[in-house]
N, C-alpha and C. Protein backbone atom coordinates (compact mmCIF):
# COMPACT_ATOMS: atom_id res chain seq x y z
N UNK A 1 -50.45 56.59 -24.32
CA UNK A 1 -51.18 55.35 -24.15
C UNK A 1 -50.19 54.19 -24.23
N UNK A 2 -50.30 53.25 -23.33
CA UNK A 2 -49.40 52.11 -23.34
C UNK A 2 -49.77 51.14 -24.45
N UNK A 3 -48.81 50.26 -24.79
CA UNK A 3 -49.07 49.26 -25.83
C UNK A 3 -50.22 48.36 -25.41
N UNK A 4 -50.29 48.03 -24.13
CA UNK A 4 -51.37 47.18 -23.65
C UNK A 4 -52.72 47.87 -23.86
N UNK A 5 -52.79 49.17 -23.53
CA UNK A 5 -54.04 49.91 -23.74
C UNK A 5 -54.38 49.98 -25.22
N UNK A 6 -53.36 50.12 -26.06
CA UNK A 6 -53.60 50.14 -27.50
C UNK A 6 -54.20 48.82 -27.96
N UNK A 7 -53.70 47.71 -27.44
CA UNK A 7 -54.22 46.41 -27.83
C UNK A 7 -55.67 46.24 -27.42
N UNK A 8 -56.04 46.84 -26.28
CA UNK A 8 -57.41 46.72 -25.80
C UNK A 8 -58.35 47.68 -26.50
N UNK A 9 -57.83 48.82 -26.96
CA UNK A 9 -58.67 49.82 -27.62
C UNK A 9 -57.93 50.37 -28.83
N UNK A 10 -57.97 49.66 -29.94
CA UNK A 10 -57.18 50.01 -31.11
C UNK A 10 -57.62 51.29 -31.79
N UNK A 11 -58.87 51.72 -31.62
CA UNK A 11 -59.37 52.88 -32.34
C UNK A 11 -58.71 54.20 -31.91
N UNK A 12 -58.32 54.32 -30.66
CA UNK A 12 -57.82 55.59 -30.15
C UNK A 12 -56.48 55.98 -30.74
N UNK A 13 -55.56 55.04 -30.95
CA UNK A 13 -54.24 55.35 -31.47
C UNK A 13 -53.99 54.61 -32.77
N UNK A 14 -54.85 54.84 -33.72
CA UNK A 14 -54.71 54.21 -35.02
C UNK A 14 -53.60 54.93 -35.79
N UNK A 15 -52.54 54.21 -36.10
CA UNK A 15 -51.45 54.78 -36.90
C UNK A 15 -51.42 54.14 -38.28
N UNK A 16 -52.53 53.52 -38.66
CA UNK A 16 -52.63 52.93 -39.99
C UNK A 16 -52.15 51.50 -40.05
N UNK A 17 -52.27 50.78 -38.94
CA UNK A 17 -51.77 49.41 -38.87
C UNK A 17 -52.29 48.53 -40.00
N UNK A 18 -53.54 48.74 -40.42
CA UNK A 18 -54.13 47.88 -41.45
C UNK A 18 -53.63 48.22 -42.85
N UNK A 19 -52.99 49.37 -43.02
CA UNK A 19 -52.50 49.79 -44.34
C UNK A 19 -51.00 49.68 -44.50
N UNK A 20 -50.27 49.41 -43.44
CA UNK A 20 -48.81 49.42 -43.47
C UNK A 20 -48.27 47.99 -43.57
N UNK A 21 -47.38 47.80 -44.53
CA UNK A 21 -46.75 46.50 -44.73
C UNK A 21 -45.34 46.53 -44.13
N UNK A 22 -45.07 45.58 -43.24
CA UNK A 22 -43.79 45.53 -42.53
C UNK A 22 -43.07 44.24 -42.86
N UNK A 23 -41.77 44.36 -43.18
CA UNK A 23 -40.93 43.18 -43.35
C UNK A 23 -40.08 43.03 -42.10
N UNK A 24 -40.12 41.85 -41.49
CA UNK A 24 -39.31 41.54 -40.32
C UNK A 24 -38.20 40.59 -40.77
N UNK A 25 -36.95 41.00 -40.55
CA UNK A 25 -35.79 40.22 -40.97
C UNK A 25 -35.03 39.79 -39.72
N UNK A 26 -35.04 38.51 -39.45
CA UNK A 26 -34.44 37.98 -38.21
C UNK A 26 -34.03 36.53 -38.44
N UNK A 27 -32.78 36.21 -38.15
CA UNK A 27 -32.29 34.84 -38.37
C UNK A 27 -32.62 33.89 -37.22
N UNK A 28 -32.96 34.43 -36.07
CA UNK A 28 -33.34 33.59 -34.93
C UNK A 28 -34.86 33.39 -34.99
N UNK A 29 -35.27 32.15 -35.22
CA UNK A 29 -36.70 31.86 -35.41
C UNK A 29 -37.55 32.25 -34.21
N UNK A 30 -37.02 32.06 -33.00
CA UNK A 30 -37.74 32.43 -31.79
C UNK A 30 -37.98 33.94 -31.74
N UNK A 31 -36.93 34.74 -32.02
CA UNK A 31 -37.07 36.19 -32.02
C UNK A 31 -37.99 36.65 -33.16
N UNK A 32 -37.92 35.98 -34.29
CA UNK A 32 -38.79 36.30 -35.42
C UNK A 32 -40.26 36.14 -35.03
N UNK A 33 -40.56 35.03 -34.35
CA UNK A 33 -41.94 34.79 -33.89
C UNK A 33 -42.38 35.84 -32.88
N UNK A 34 -41.49 36.21 -31.96
CA UNK A 34 -41.83 37.23 -30.96
C UNK A 34 -42.14 38.56 -31.65
N UNK A 35 -41.30 38.95 -32.60
CA UNK A 35 -41.52 40.22 -33.31
C UNK A 35 -42.83 40.21 -34.10
N UNK A 36 -43.06 39.14 -34.85
CA UNK A 36 -44.28 39.04 -35.66
C UNK A 36 -45.51 39.06 -34.76
N UNK A 37 -45.50 38.28 -33.68
CA UNK A 37 -46.65 38.25 -32.77
C UNK A 37 -46.86 39.60 -32.08
N UNK A 38 -45.78 40.29 -31.75
CA UNK A 38 -45.90 41.62 -31.14
C UNK A 38 -46.56 42.59 -32.12
N UNK A 39 -46.14 42.55 -33.37
CA UNK A 39 -46.74 43.43 -34.39
C UNK A 39 -48.22 43.10 -34.60
N UNK A 40 -48.54 41.81 -34.60
CA UNK A 40 -49.95 41.40 -34.76
C UNK A 40 -50.79 41.90 -33.59
N UNK A 41 -50.24 41.83 -32.38
CA UNK A 41 -50.98 42.30 -31.20
C UNK A 41 -51.21 43.81 -31.24
N UNK A 42 -50.32 44.52 -31.95
CA UNK A 42 -50.47 45.96 -32.11
C UNK A 42 -51.43 46.31 -33.25
N UNK A 43 -51.92 45.30 -33.96
CA UNK A 43 -52.90 45.54 -35.02
C UNK A 43 -52.34 45.49 -36.43
N UNK A 44 -51.05 45.24 -36.58
CA UNK A 44 -50.47 45.13 -37.92
C UNK A 44 -50.81 43.76 -38.50
N UNK A 45 -51.29 43.76 -39.72
CA UNK A 45 -51.72 42.50 -40.35
C UNK A 45 -50.90 42.15 -41.59
N UNK A 46 -50.28 43.14 -42.19
CA UNK A 46 -49.52 42.93 -43.42
C UNK A 46 -48.04 42.79 -43.07
N UNK A 47 -47.64 41.57 -42.72
CA UNK A 47 -46.29 41.30 -42.23
C UNK A 47 -45.63 40.24 -43.11
N UNK A 48 -44.45 40.55 -43.60
CA UNK A 48 -43.64 39.60 -44.36
C UNK A 48 -42.45 39.22 -43.51
N UNK A 49 -42.02 37.97 -43.60
CA UNK A 49 -40.88 37.49 -42.82
C UNK A 49 -39.74 37.12 -43.76
N UNK A 50 -38.51 37.40 -43.30
CA UNK A 50 -37.31 36.95 -43.99
C UNK A 50 -36.34 36.45 -42.93
N UNK A 51 -35.67 35.32 -43.23
CA UNK A 51 -34.79 34.70 -42.24
C UNK A 51 -33.39 35.28 -42.22
N UNK A 52 -33.07 36.12 -43.21
CA UNK A 52 -31.76 36.78 -43.23
C UNK A 52 -31.79 37.90 -44.26
N UNK A 53 -30.72 38.67 -44.32
CA UNK A 53 -30.66 39.79 -45.24
C UNK A 53 -30.72 39.39 -46.70
N UNK A 54 -30.15 38.25 -47.03
CA UNK A 54 -30.17 37.79 -48.42
C UNK A 54 -31.60 37.51 -48.87
N UNK A 55 -32.36 36.83 -48.04
CA UNK A 55 -33.76 36.54 -48.34
C UNK A 55 -34.57 37.84 -48.47
N UNK A 56 -34.27 38.81 -47.62
CA UNK A 56 -34.95 40.10 -47.68
C UNK A 56 -34.65 40.83 -48.98
N UNK A 57 -33.39 40.84 -49.39
CA UNK A 57 -33.00 41.50 -50.64
C UNK A 57 -33.72 40.86 -51.82
N UNK A 58 -33.77 39.53 -51.84
CA UNK A 58 -34.45 38.83 -52.94
C UNK A 58 -35.92 39.22 -53.01
N UNK A 59 -36.59 39.28 -51.87
CA UNK A 59 -38.00 39.67 -51.85
C UNK A 59 -38.17 41.12 -52.28
N UNK A 60 -37.34 42.01 -51.74
CA UNK A 60 -37.46 43.44 -52.05
C UNK A 60 -37.19 43.70 -53.53
N UNK A 61 -36.30 42.94 -54.14
CA UNK A 61 -36.07 43.08 -55.59
C UNK A 61 -37.34 42.75 -56.36
N UNK A 62 -38.07 41.73 -55.92
CA UNK A 62 -39.33 41.37 -56.58
C UNK A 62 -40.35 42.49 -56.47
N UNK A 63 -40.38 43.17 -55.33
CA UNK A 63 -41.35 44.26 -55.15
C UNK A 63 -41.02 45.44 -56.06
N UNK A 64 -39.74 45.66 -56.33
CA UNK A 64 -39.37 46.79 -57.19
C UNK A 64 -39.70 46.51 -58.65
N UNK A 65 -39.83 45.24 -59.00
CA UNK A 65 -40.17 44.88 -60.39
C UNK A 65 -41.67 44.80 -60.61
N UNK A 66 -42.45 44.87 -59.52
CA UNK A 66 -43.90 44.82 -59.63
C UNK A 66 -44.41 43.51 -60.19
N UNK A 67 -43.90 42.40 -59.67
CA UNK A 67 -44.23 41.08 -60.22
C UNK A 67 -45.71 40.75 -60.23
N UNK A 68 -46.29 40.56 -59.07
CA UNK A 68 -47.70 40.16 -59.04
C UNK A 68 -48.34 40.60 -57.74
N UNK A 69 -49.61 40.34 -57.65
CA UNK A 69 -50.33 40.68 -56.42
C UNK A 69 -49.83 39.84 -55.25
N UNK A 70 -49.19 38.70 -55.52
CA UNK A 70 -48.67 37.84 -54.46
C UNK A 70 -47.43 38.44 -53.79
N UNK A 71 -46.78 39.38 -54.46
CA UNK A 71 -45.59 40.02 -53.92
C UNK A 71 -46.00 41.41 -53.43
N UNK A 72 -46.22 41.50 -52.13
CA UNK A 72 -46.70 42.75 -51.56
C UNK A 72 -45.56 43.75 -51.35
N UNK A 73 -45.75 45.00 -51.77
CA UNK A 73 -44.73 46.02 -51.51
C UNK A 73 -44.55 46.23 -50.00
N UNK A 74 -43.36 46.58 -49.60
CA UNK A 74 -43.03 46.76 -48.19
C UNK A 74 -42.94 48.26 -47.89
N UNK A 75 -43.50 48.66 -46.74
CA UNK A 75 -43.45 50.05 -46.30
C UNK A 75 -42.35 50.31 -45.27
N UNK A 76 -42.10 49.34 -44.38
CA UNK A 76 -41.13 49.50 -43.30
C UNK A 76 -40.37 48.19 -43.13
N UNK A 77 -39.06 48.28 -42.89
CA UNK A 77 -38.24 47.10 -42.60
C UNK A 77 -37.79 47.16 -41.14
N UNK A 78 -37.95 46.04 -40.44
CA UNK A 78 -37.39 45.88 -39.10
C UNK A 78 -36.41 44.72 -39.21
N UNK A 79 -35.13 44.97 -38.93
CA UNK A 79 -34.11 43.95 -39.17
C UNK A 79 -33.16 43.79 -38.00
N UNK A 80 -32.74 42.56 -37.79
CA UNK A 80 -31.66 42.27 -36.85
C UNK A 80 -30.37 42.81 -37.43
N UNK A 81 -29.42 43.13 -36.60
CA UNK A 81 -28.13 43.67 -37.04
C UNK A 81 -27.19 42.54 -37.47
N UNK A 82 -27.05 41.52 -36.61
CA UNK A 82 -26.08 40.46 -36.85
C UNK A 82 -26.78 39.25 -37.45
N UNK A 83 -26.53 39.00 -38.75
CA UNK A 83 -27.10 37.85 -39.46
C UNK A 83 -26.09 37.38 -40.50
N UNK A 84 -26.33 36.19 -40.99
CA UNK A 84 -25.50 35.64 -42.05
C UNK A 84 -26.41 35.03 -43.10
N UNK A 85 -26.16 35.09 -44.35
CA UNK A 85 -24.96 35.59 -45.03
C UNK A 85 -24.96 37.10 -45.26
N UNK A 86 -26.10 37.77 -45.15
CA UNK A 86 -26.16 39.22 -45.33
C UNK A 86 -26.65 39.84 -44.02
N UNK A 87 -25.83 40.70 -43.44
CA UNK A 87 -26.16 41.32 -42.15
C UNK A 87 -27.21 42.41 -42.33
N UNK A 88 -27.73 42.87 -41.21
CA UNK A 88 -28.70 43.95 -41.24
C UNK A 88 -28.13 45.24 -41.79
N UNK A 89 -26.88 45.54 -41.46
CA UNK A 89 -26.27 46.77 -41.94
C UNK A 89 -26.01 46.68 -43.45
N UNK A 90 -25.68 45.49 -43.95
CA UNK A 90 -25.50 45.33 -45.40
C UNK A 90 -26.84 45.41 -46.13
N UNK A 91 -27.89 44.87 -45.51
CA UNK A 91 -29.23 45.01 -46.07
C UNK A 91 -29.61 46.49 -46.14
N UNK A 92 -29.35 47.23 -45.08
CA UNK A 92 -29.63 48.66 -45.04
C UNK A 92 -28.83 49.40 -46.11
N UNK A 93 -27.56 49.07 -46.25
CA UNK A 93 -26.72 49.71 -47.26
C UNK A 93 -27.26 49.43 -48.66
N UNK A 94 -27.69 48.19 -48.91
CA UNK A 94 -28.28 47.85 -50.21
C UNK A 94 -29.55 48.67 -50.44
N UNK A 95 -30.40 48.76 -49.44
CA UNK A 95 -31.66 49.48 -49.56
C UNK A 95 -31.43 50.96 -49.88
N UNK A 96 -30.43 51.57 -49.26
CA UNK A 96 -30.16 52.99 -49.45
C UNK A 96 -29.39 53.29 -50.75
N UNK A 97 -28.55 52.35 -51.20
CA UNK A 97 -27.61 52.68 -52.28
C UNK A 97 -27.82 51.96 -53.61
N UNK A 98 -28.46 50.79 -53.61
CA UNK A 98 -28.52 49.98 -54.82
C UNK A 98 -29.62 50.43 -55.78
N UNK A 99 -29.34 50.34 -57.06
CA UNK A 99 -30.33 50.73 -58.08
C UNK A 99 -31.53 49.80 -58.10
N UNK A 100 -31.38 48.56 -57.62
CA UNK A 100 -32.49 47.60 -57.60
C UNK A 100 -33.36 47.75 -56.35
N UNK A 101 -32.99 48.64 -55.46
CA UNK A 101 -33.77 48.87 -54.24
C UNK A 101 -35.14 49.44 -54.61
N UNK A 102 -36.21 48.94 -53.97
CA UNK A 102 -37.54 49.46 -54.29
C UNK A 102 -37.75 50.90 -53.82
N UNK A 103 -37.06 51.32 -52.76
CA UNK A 103 -37.18 52.69 -52.27
C UNK A 103 -36.03 53.02 -51.34
N UNK A 104 -35.22 53.98 -51.74
CA UNK A 104 -34.11 54.42 -50.90
C UNK A 104 -34.61 55.09 -49.63
N UNK A 105 -35.88 55.53 -49.65
CA UNK A 105 -36.46 56.28 -48.53
C UNK A 105 -37.24 55.39 -47.56
N UNK A 106 -37.24 54.08 -47.76
CA UNK A 106 -38.02 53.18 -46.92
C UNK A 106 -37.54 53.24 -45.47
N UNK A 107 -38.44 53.45 -44.53
CA UNK A 107 -38.05 53.45 -43.11
C UNK A 107 -37.44 52.10 -42.71
N UNK A 108 -36.37 52.17 -41.93
CA UNK A 108 -35.61 50.98 -41.55
C UNK A 108 -35.31 51.06 -40.06
N UNK A 109 -35.75 50.04 -39.32
CA UNK A 109 -35.48 49.95 -37.88
C UNK A 109 -34.51 48.79 -37.66
N UNK A 110 -33.41 49.07 -37.01
CA UNK A 110 -32.41 48.04 -36.72
C UNK A 110 -32.59 47.56 -35.28
N UNK A 111 -32.51 46.24 -35.10
CA UNK A 111 -32.57 45.61 -33.78
C UNK A 111 -31.26 44.90 -33.51
N UNK A 112 -30.83 44.91 -32.26
CA UNK A 112 -29.64 44.13 -31.93
C UNK A 112 -29.52 43.90 -30.44
N UNK A 113 -29.06 42.71 -30.11
CA UNK A 113 -28.71 42.40 -28.73
C UNK A 113 -27.34 42.98 -28.41
N UNK A 114 -26.58 43.30 -29.45
CA UNK A 114 -25.26 43.92 -29.30
C UNK A 114 -25.39 45.40 -29.65
N UNK A 115 -26.11 46.12 -28.80
CA UNK A 115 -26.40 47.53 -29.08
C UNK A 115 -25.30 48.43 -28.53
N UNK A 116 -24.06 48.10 -28.86
CA UNK A 116 -22.95 48.93 -28.40
C UNK A 116 -22.77 50.12 -29.35
N UNK A 117 -21.93 51.02 -28.95
CA UNK A 117 -21.72 52.26 -29.70
C UNK A 117 -21.31 52.01 -31.14
N UNK A 118 -20.43 51.04 -31.38
CA UNK A 118 -19.94 50.75 -32.74
C UNK A 118 -21.09 50.33 -33.65
N UNK A 119 -21.97 49.43 -33.20
CA UNK A 119 -23.08 48.96 -34.02
C UNK A 119 -24.13 50.04 -34.24
N UNK A 120 -24.40 50.82 -33.21
CA UNK A 120 -25.37 51.91 -33.35
C UNK A 120 -24.85 52.94 -34.35
N UNK A 121 -23.57 53.31 -34.23
CA UNK A 121 -22.99 54.29 -35.15
C UNK A 121 -22.91 53.75 -36.57
N UNK A 122 -22.58 52.47 -36.74
CA UNK A 122 -22.54 51.86 -38.08
C UNK A 122 -23.92 51.92 -38.72
N UNK A 123 -24.95 51.62 -37.94
CA UNK A 123 -26.32 51.68 -38.45
C UNK A 123 -26.70 53.11 -38.81
N UNK A 124 -26.40 54.02 -37.92
CA UNK A 124 -26.69 55.44 -38.16
C UNK A 124 -25.99 55.94 -39.42
N UNK A 125 -24.71 55.57 -39.57
CA UNK A 125 -23.93 56.05 -40.71
C UNK A 125 -24.38 55.46 -42.04
N UNK A 126 -25.14 54.37 -41.99
CA UNK A 126 -25.68 53.77 -43.22
C UNK A 126 -27.13 54.20 -43.48
N UNK A 127 -27.69 55.04 -42.62
CA UNK A 127 -29.00 55.62 -42.87
C UNK A 127 -30.17 54.95 -42.19
N UNK A 128 -29.96 54.38 -41.01
CA UNK A 128 -31.07 53.76 -40.27
C UNK A 128 -32.00 54.85 -39.72
N UNK A 129 -33.29 54.56 -39.67
CA UNK A 129 -34.23 55.52 -39.10
C UNK A 129 -34.26 55.44 -37.58
N UNK A 130 -34.13 54.22 -37.05
CA UNK A 130 -34.15 54.04 -35.60
C UNK A 130 -33.42 52.76 -35.24
N UNK A 131 -32.93 52.68 -34.02
CA UNK A 131 -32.20 51.52 -33.52
C UNK A 131 -32.84 51.10 -32.20
N UNK A 132 -33.17 49.81 -32.09
CA UNK A 132 -33.76 49.29 -30.86
C UNK A 132 -32.88 48.17 -30.31
N UNK A 133 -32.62 48.24 -29.02
CA UNK A 133 -31.84 47.20 -28.36
C UNK A 133 -32.75 46.04 -27.96
N UNK A 134 -32.20 44.85 -28.01
CA UNK A 134 -32.89 43.67 -27.49
C UNK A 134 -32.43 43.49 -26.06
N UNK A 135 -33.24 43.09 -25.16
CA UNK A 135 -34.65 42.79 -25.32
C UNK A 135 -35.45 44.08 -25.46
N UNK A 136 -36.60 43.99 -26.10
CA UNK A 136 -37.45 45.14 -26.34
C UNK A 136 -38.84 44.84 -25.80
N UNK A 137 -39.62 45.87 -25.64
CA UNK A 137 -41.00 45.68 -25.20
C UNK A 137 -41.94 45.99 -26.37
N UNK A 138 -43.15 45.48 -26.29
CA UNK A 138 -44.16 45.77 -27.30
C UNK A 138 -44.41 47.28 -27.33
N UNK A 139 -44.43 47.88 -26.18
CA UNK A 139 -44.66 49.33 -26.09
C UNK A 139 -43.56 50.09 -26.81
N UNK A 140 -42.31 49.65 -26.68
CA UNK A 140 -41.20 50.32 -27.35
C UNK A 140 -41.32 50.17 -28.87
N UNK A 141 -41.70 48.98 -29.35
CA UNK A 141 -41.91 48.78 -30.79
C UNK A 141 -42.97 49.78 -31.28
N UNK A 142 -44.06 49.88 -30.55
CA UNK A 142 -45.14 50.79 -30.95
C UNK A 142 -44.65 52.24 -31.00
N UNK A 143 -43.92 52.67 -29.98
CA UNK A 143 -43.44 54.06 -29.93
C UNK A 143 -42.52 54.37 -31.10
N UNK A 144 -41.63 53.44 -31.43
CA UNK A 144 -40.70 53.66 -32.54
C UNK A 144 -41.48 53.71 -33.86
N UNK A 145 -42.40 52.78 -34.07
CA UNK A 145 -43.20 52.79 -35.30
C UNK A 145 -44.05 54.06 -35.39
N UNK A 146 -44.64 54.46 -34.29
CA UNK A 146 -45.45 55.68 -34.28
C UNK A 146 -44.61 56.89 -34.64
N UNK A 147 -43.40 56.97 -34.09
CA UNK A 147 -42.51 58.10 -34.38
C UNK A 147 -42.13 58.13 -35.88
N UNK A 148 -41.85 56.95 -36.43
CA UNK A 148 -41.46 56.89 -37.84
C UNK A 148 -42.64 57.25 -38.76
N UNK A 149 -43.83 56.83 -38.37
CA UNK A 149 -45.02 57.08 -39.20
C UNK A 149 -45.52 58.51 -39.03
N UNK A 150 -45.64 58.98 -37.80
CA UNK A 150 -46.23 60.29 -37.53
C UNK A 150 -45.27 61.46 -37.72
N UNK A 151 -43.98 61.23 -37.51
CA UNK A 151 -43.01 62.32 -37.60
C UNK A 151 -41.76 61.87 -38.37
N UNK A 152 -41.93 61.56 -39.66
CA UNK A 152 -40.76 61.10 -40.41
C UNK A 152 -39.73 62.20 -40.56
N UNK A 153 -38.46 61.80 -40.49
CA UNK A 153 -37.38 62.77 -40.65
C UNK A 153 -37.08 62.96 -42.14
N UNK A 154 -36.73 64.17 -42.50
CA UNK A 154 -36.36 64.48 -43.87
C UNK A 154 -35.07 63.73 -44.22
N UNK A 155 -34.96 63.28 -45.47
CA UNK A 155 -33.74 62.61 -45.91
C UNK A 155 -32.76 63.65 -46.42
N UNK A 156 -31.49 63.39 -46.18
CA UNK A 156 -30.42 64.27 -46.64
C UNK A 156 -29.40 63.44 -47.42
N UNK A 157 -28.70 64.13 -48.28
CA UNK A 157 -27.65 63.44 -49.03
C UNK A 157 -26.40 64.32 -49.05
N UNK A 158 -25.26 63.67 -48.84
CA UNK A 158 -23.96 64.33 -48.94
C UNK A 158 -23.07 63.41 -49.76
N UNK A 159 -21.81 63.74 -49.86
CA UNK A 159 -20.89 62.87 -50.61
C UNK A 159 -20.70 61.52 -49.93
N UNK A 160 -20.89 61.48 -48.62
CA UNK A 160 -20.63 60.24 -47.89
C UNK A 160 -21.84 59.66 -47.16
N UNK A 161 -23.00 60.29 -47.29
CA UNK A 161 -24.17 59.83 -46.51
C UNK A 161 -25.46 60.07 -47.28
N UNK A 162 -26.35 59.08 -47.20
CA UNK A 162 -27.72 59.24 -47.66
C UNK A 162 -28.61 58.57 -46.63
N UNK A 163 -29.56 59.30 -46.11
CA UNK A 163 -30.48 58.73 -45.13
C UNK A 163 -31.23 59.82 -44.40
N UNK A 164 -31.98 59.41 -43.38
CA UNK A 164 -32.75 60.40 -42.62
C UNK A 164 -31.84 61.35 -41.87
N UNK A 165 -32.27 62.60 -41.75
CA UNK A 165 -31.54 63.60 -40.99
C UNK A 165 -31.27 63.04 -39.60
N UNK A 166 -30.03 63.10 -39.18
CA UNK A 166 -29.65 62.52 -37.88
C UNK A 166 -30.16 63.34 -36.70
N UNK A 167 -30.49 64.59 -36.95
CA UNK A 167 -31.00 65.44 -35.87
C UNK A 167 -32.46 65.11 -35.63
N UNK A 168 -32.81 64.83 -34.39
CA UNK A 168 -34.18 64.47 -34.05
C UNK A 168 -35.01 65.67 -33.62
N UNK A 169 -34.38 66.70 -33.14
CA UNK A 169 -35.15 67.85 -32.67
C UNK A 169 -34.83 69.07 -33.52
N UNK A 170 -35.69 70.05 -33.42
CA UNK A 170 -35.50 71.29 -34.17
C UNK A 170 -35.18 72.41 -33.19
N UNK A 171 -34.23 72.14 -32.33
CA UNK A 171 -33.89 73.09 -31.28
C UNK A 171 -33.06 74.25 -31.79
N UNK A 172 -32.52 74.15 -33.00
CA UNK A 172 -31.69 75.21 -33.53
C UNK A 172 -30.26 75.07 -33.03
N UNK A 173 -29.44 76.07 -33.32
CA UNK A 173 -28.04 75.99 -32.91
C UNK A 173 -27.89 76.08 -31.39
N UNK A 174 -26.85 75.49 -30.86
CA UNK A 174 -26.65 75.56 -29.41
C UNK A 174 -26.40 76.99 -28.97
N UNK A 175 -26.85 77.30 -27.76
CA UNK A 175 -26.67 78.65 -27.22
C UNK A 175 -25.27 78.76 -26.64
N UNK A 176 -24.76 79.95 -26.70
CA UNK A 176 -23.43 80.17 -26.14
C UNK A 176 -22.44 80.51 -27.23
N UNK A 177 -21.26 79.99 -27.10
CA UNK A 177 -20.17 80.32 -28.00
C UNK A 177 -20.42 79.79 -29.42
N UNK A 178 -20.14 80.62 -30.41
CA UNK A 178 -20.26 80.22 -31.82
C UNK A 178 -19.13 79.24 -32.13
N UNK A 179 -19.48 78.09 -32.70
CA UNK A 179 -18.46 77.06 -32.95
C UNK A 179 -18.00 77.03 -34.41
N UNK A 180 -18.74 77.68 -35.29
CA UNK A 180 -18.33 77.67 -36.70
C UNK A 180 -17.23 78.69 -36.94
N UNK A 181 -16.36 78.38 -37.88
CA UNK A 181 -15.30 79.32 -38.24
C UNK A 181 -15.87 80.40 -39.14
N UNK A 182 -15.39 81.59 -38.96
CA UNK A 182 -15.82 82.70 -39.81
C UNK A 182 -14.93 82.78 -41.02
N UNK A 183 -15.52 83.24 -42.11
CA UNK A 183 -14.68 83.53 -43.27
C UNK A 183 -14.96 82.71 -44.39
């Protein structure tokens, strides 16, 4: 179902829009408005805005302390990659690694107009759940959110990585020649 069809008939593809709280972190006010309005058109009503990674960290710290009903816990973060003073990748690193983080397992979607290999790999290596290039469509936002909600990836931890399993499919080992060393 397309995003437009979803907007016209919200009951058919309900992914829990009314129960999910999303934080949108974007330093460009125009892009922030586009993202928030796109989420609202998809039926999401619990949306928090932050103008940069620093503002997001401050808010998320409050949610981990359980301050008051005015500070709503966040379920998913959608963040721009390039921001100042705290970038999206540094926000992601804080969320995954810091003791003050409200949840190391919180789904995180990175957005960037500079969706080159280096930025995508940096995001992946810090534990991003998904990466979306700008410009984006409302339908693409919906598909990514649906994938994160309906089919979350298991988290893994190693000496150098904590985040969702990078493998998206369960195809098993590649067919053909064995690549692992024996012994």
